[in-house]
Every structure is written in C-alpha cells, then in structure tokens.
PDB file of N, CA and C in Angstrom:
ATOM      1  N   MET A   1      12.624   6.008  -8.645  1.00  0.00           N
ATOM      2  CA  MET A   1      11.903   5.199  -7.649  1.00  0.00           C
ATOM      3  C   MET A   1      13.086   4.752  -6.435  1.00  0.00           C
ATOM      4  N   GLU A   2      13.736   5.693  -6.139  1.00  0.00           N
ATOM      5  CA  GLU A   2      14.804   5.406  -5.007  1.00  0.00           C
ATOM      6  C   GLU A   2      14.237   5.241  -3.703  1.00  0.00           C
ATOM      7  N   GLY A   3      13.033   5.934  -3.570  1.00  0.00           N
ATOM      8  CA  GLY A   3      12.541   5.862  -2.081  1.00  0.00           C
ATOM      9  C   GLY A   3      12.086   4.360  -1.844  1.00  0.00           C
ATOM     10  N   ILE A   4      11.715   3.623  -2.939  1.00  0.00           N
ATOM     11  CA  ILE A   4      11.285   2.219  -2.608  1.00  0.00           C
ATOM     12  C   ILE A   4      12.718   1.371  -2.313  1.00  0.00           C
ATOM     13  N   GLY A   5      12.660   0.597  -1.234  1.00  0.00           N
ATOM     14  CA  GLY A   5      13.863  -0.111  -0.983  1.00  0.00           C
ATOM     15  C   GLY A   5      14.825   0.553  -0.078  1.00  0.00           C
ATOM     16  N   GLY A   6      14.381   1.909   0.133  1.00  0.00           N
ATOM     17  CA  GLY A   6      15.328   2.468   1.137  1.00  0.00           C
ATOM     18  C   GLY A   6      14.583   2.664   2.427  1.00  0.00           C
ATOM     19  N   SER A   7      14.719   3.863   2.988  1.00  0.00           N
ATOM     20  CA  SER A   7      14.095   3.857   4.427  1.00  0.00           C
ATOM     21  C   SER A   7      12.524   3.988   4.307  1.00  0.00           C
ATOM     22  N   MET A   8      12.071   4.294   3.186  1.00  0.00           N
ATOM     23  CA  MET A   8      10.778   4.521   2.808  1.00  0.00           C
ATOM     24  C   MET A   8      10.155   3.359   2.396  1.00  0.00           C
ATOM     25  N   GLY A   9      10.780   2.260   2.281  1.00  0.00           N
ATOM     26  CA  GLY A   9      10.189   1.087   1.806  1.00  0.00           C
ATOM     27  C   GLY A   9       9.004   0.583   2.611  1.00  0.00           C
ATOM     28  N   PRO A  10       9.281   0.324   3.950  1.00  0.00           N
ATOM     29  CA  PRO A  10       8.321  -0.068   4.892  1.00  0.00           C
ATOM     30  C   PRO A  10       7.131   0.960   4.712  1.00  0.00           C
ATOM     31  N   LEU A  11       7.273   2.254   4.601  1.00  0.00           N
ATOM     32  CA  LEU A  11       6.297   3.338   4.882  1.00  0.00           C
ATOM     33  C   LEU A  11       5.385   3.058   3.411  1.00  0.00           C
ATOM     34  N   TYR A  12       5.951   2.960   2.397  1.00  0.00           N
ATOM     35  CA  TYR A  12       5.300   2.776   1.111  1.00  0.00           C
ATOM     36  C   TYR A  12       4.491   1.589   1.074  1.00  0.00           C
ATOM     37  N   GLY A  13       5.057   0.674   1.651  1.00  0.00           N
ATOM     38  CA  GLY A  13       4.491  -0.865   1.812  1.00  0.00           C
ATOM     39  C   GLY A  13       3.125  -0.692   2.556  1.00  0.00           C
ATOM     40  N   SER A  14       3.251  -0.062   3.768  1.00  0.00           N
ATOM     41  CA  SER A  14       2.060   0.091   4.521  1.00  0.00           C
ATOM     42  C   SER A  14       0.958   0.944   3.848  1.00  0.00           C
ATOM     43  N   LEU A  15       1.482   2.007   3.286  1.00  0.00           N
ATOM     44  CA  LEU A  15       0.374   2.798   2.555  1.00  0.00           C
ATOM     45  C   LEU A  15      -0.355   1.991   1.564  1.00  0.00           C
ATOM     46  N   PHE A  16       0.568   1.195   0.618  1.00  0.00           N
ATOM     47  CA  PHE A  16      -0.159   0.433  -0.417  1.00  0.00           C
ATOM     48  C   PHE A  16      -1.032  -0.650   0.165  1.00  0.00           C
ATOM     49  N   MET A  17      -0.618  -1.240   1.320  1.00  0.00           N
ATOM     50  CA  MET A  17      -1.512  -2.449   1.755  1.00  0.00           C
ATOM     51  C   MET A  17      -2.849  -1.710   2.183  1.00  0.00           C
ATOM     52  N   GLY A  18      -2.747  -0.438   2.736  1.00  0.00           N
ATOM     53  CA  GLY A  18      -3.825   0.114   3.477  1.00  0.00           C
ATOM     54  C   GLY A  18      -4.883   0.580   2.356  1.00  0.00           C
ATOM     55  N   MET A  19      -4.224   1.189   1.298  1.00  0.00           N
ATOM     56  CA  MET A  19      -5.030   1.443  -0.012  1.00  0.00           C
ATOM     57  C   MET A  19      -5.599   0.406  -0.696  1.00  0.00           C
ATOM     58  N   ALA A  20      -4.899  -0.802  -1.018  1.00  0.00           N
ATOM     59  CA  ALA A  20      -5.393  -1.930  -1.511  1.00  0.00           C
ATOM     60  C   ALA A  20      -6.650  -2.299  -0.549  1.00  0.00           C
ATOM     61  N   ASP A  21      -6.479  -2.357   0.614  1.00  0.00           N
ATOM     62  CA  ASP A  21      -7.561  -2.753   1.703  1.00  0.00           C
ATOM     63  C   ASP A  21      -8.723  -1.928   1.355  1.00  0.00           C
ATOM     64  N   SER A  22      -8.641  -0.742   1.435  1.00  0.00           N
ATOM     65  CA  SER A  22      -9.793   0.210   1.141  1.00  0.00           C
ATOM     66  C   SER A  22     -10.404   0.032  -0.231  1.00  0.00           C
ATOM     67  N   VAL A  23      -9.753  -0.355  -1.160  1.00  0.00           N
ATOM     68  CA  VAL A  23     -10.067  -0.404  -2.596  1.00  0.00           C
ATOM     69  C   VAL A  23     -11.118  -1.714  -2.522  1.00  0.00           C
ATOM     70  N   ARG A  24     -10.404  -2.730  -1.984  1.00  0.00           N
ATOM     71  CA  ARG A  24     -11.099  -4.004  -1.916  1.00  0.00           C
ATOM     72  C   ARG A  24     -12.436  -3.854  -1.023  1.00  0.00           C
ATOM     73  N   ASP A  25     -12.397  -3.212   0.055  1.00  0.00           N
ATOM     74  CA  ASP A  25     -13.707  -2.911   0.697  1.00  0.00           C
ATOM     75  C   ASP A  25     -14.538  -2.125   0.036  1.00  0.00           C
ATOM     76  N   LYS A  26     -14.238  -1.285  -0.872  1.00  0.00           N
ATOM     77  CA  LYS A  26     -15.196  -0.478  -1.590  1.00  0.00           C
ATOM     78  C   LYS A  26     -15.847  -1.409  -2.584  1.00  0.00           C
ATOM     79  N   THR A  27     -14.905  -2.089  -3.645  1.00  0.00           N
ATOM     80  CA  THR A  27     -15.510  -2.810  -4.476  1.00  0.00           C
ATOM     81  C   THR A  27     -16.035  -4.131  -4.121  1.00  0.00           C
ATOM     82  N   GLY A  28     -15.618  -4.521  -2.759  1.00  0.00           N
ATOM     83  CA  GLY A  28     -16.409  -5.941  -2.296  1.00  0.00           C
ATOM     84  C   GLY A  28     -15.847  -7.007  -2.925  1.00  0.00           C
ATOM     85  N   ALA A  29     -14.643  -6.889  -3.626  1.00  0.00           N
ATOM     86  CA  ALA A  29     -14.055  -7.821  -4.349  1.00  0.00           C
ATOM     87  C   ALA A  29     -12.910  -8.628  -3.383  1.00  0.00           C
ATOM     88  N   GLY A  30     -13.346  -8.782  -2.127  1.00  0.00           N
ATOM     89  CA  GLY A  30     -12.315  -9.280  -1.233  1.00  0.00           C
ATOM     90  C   GLY A  30     -12.879 -10.081  -0.102  1.00  0.00           C
TER      91      GLY A  30
END
C-alpha cells in the first residue's frame, strides 16, 4: 500500500469519501 501516503494519498481519499457517501445514500444510514 505504498500508493497511500504518496502522491496518490489525496486521490484515494477523495475516492473513498465519494464511495462512502454513495453507500450512505443508498443505505440511508446517514
């Protein structure tokens, strides 16, 4: 997992945030 913490850190962060948002929206647990 060298990508994390490198130049890809922010990118992955945004992706995860977006995915979490989508999941929360789908499940309605947010």
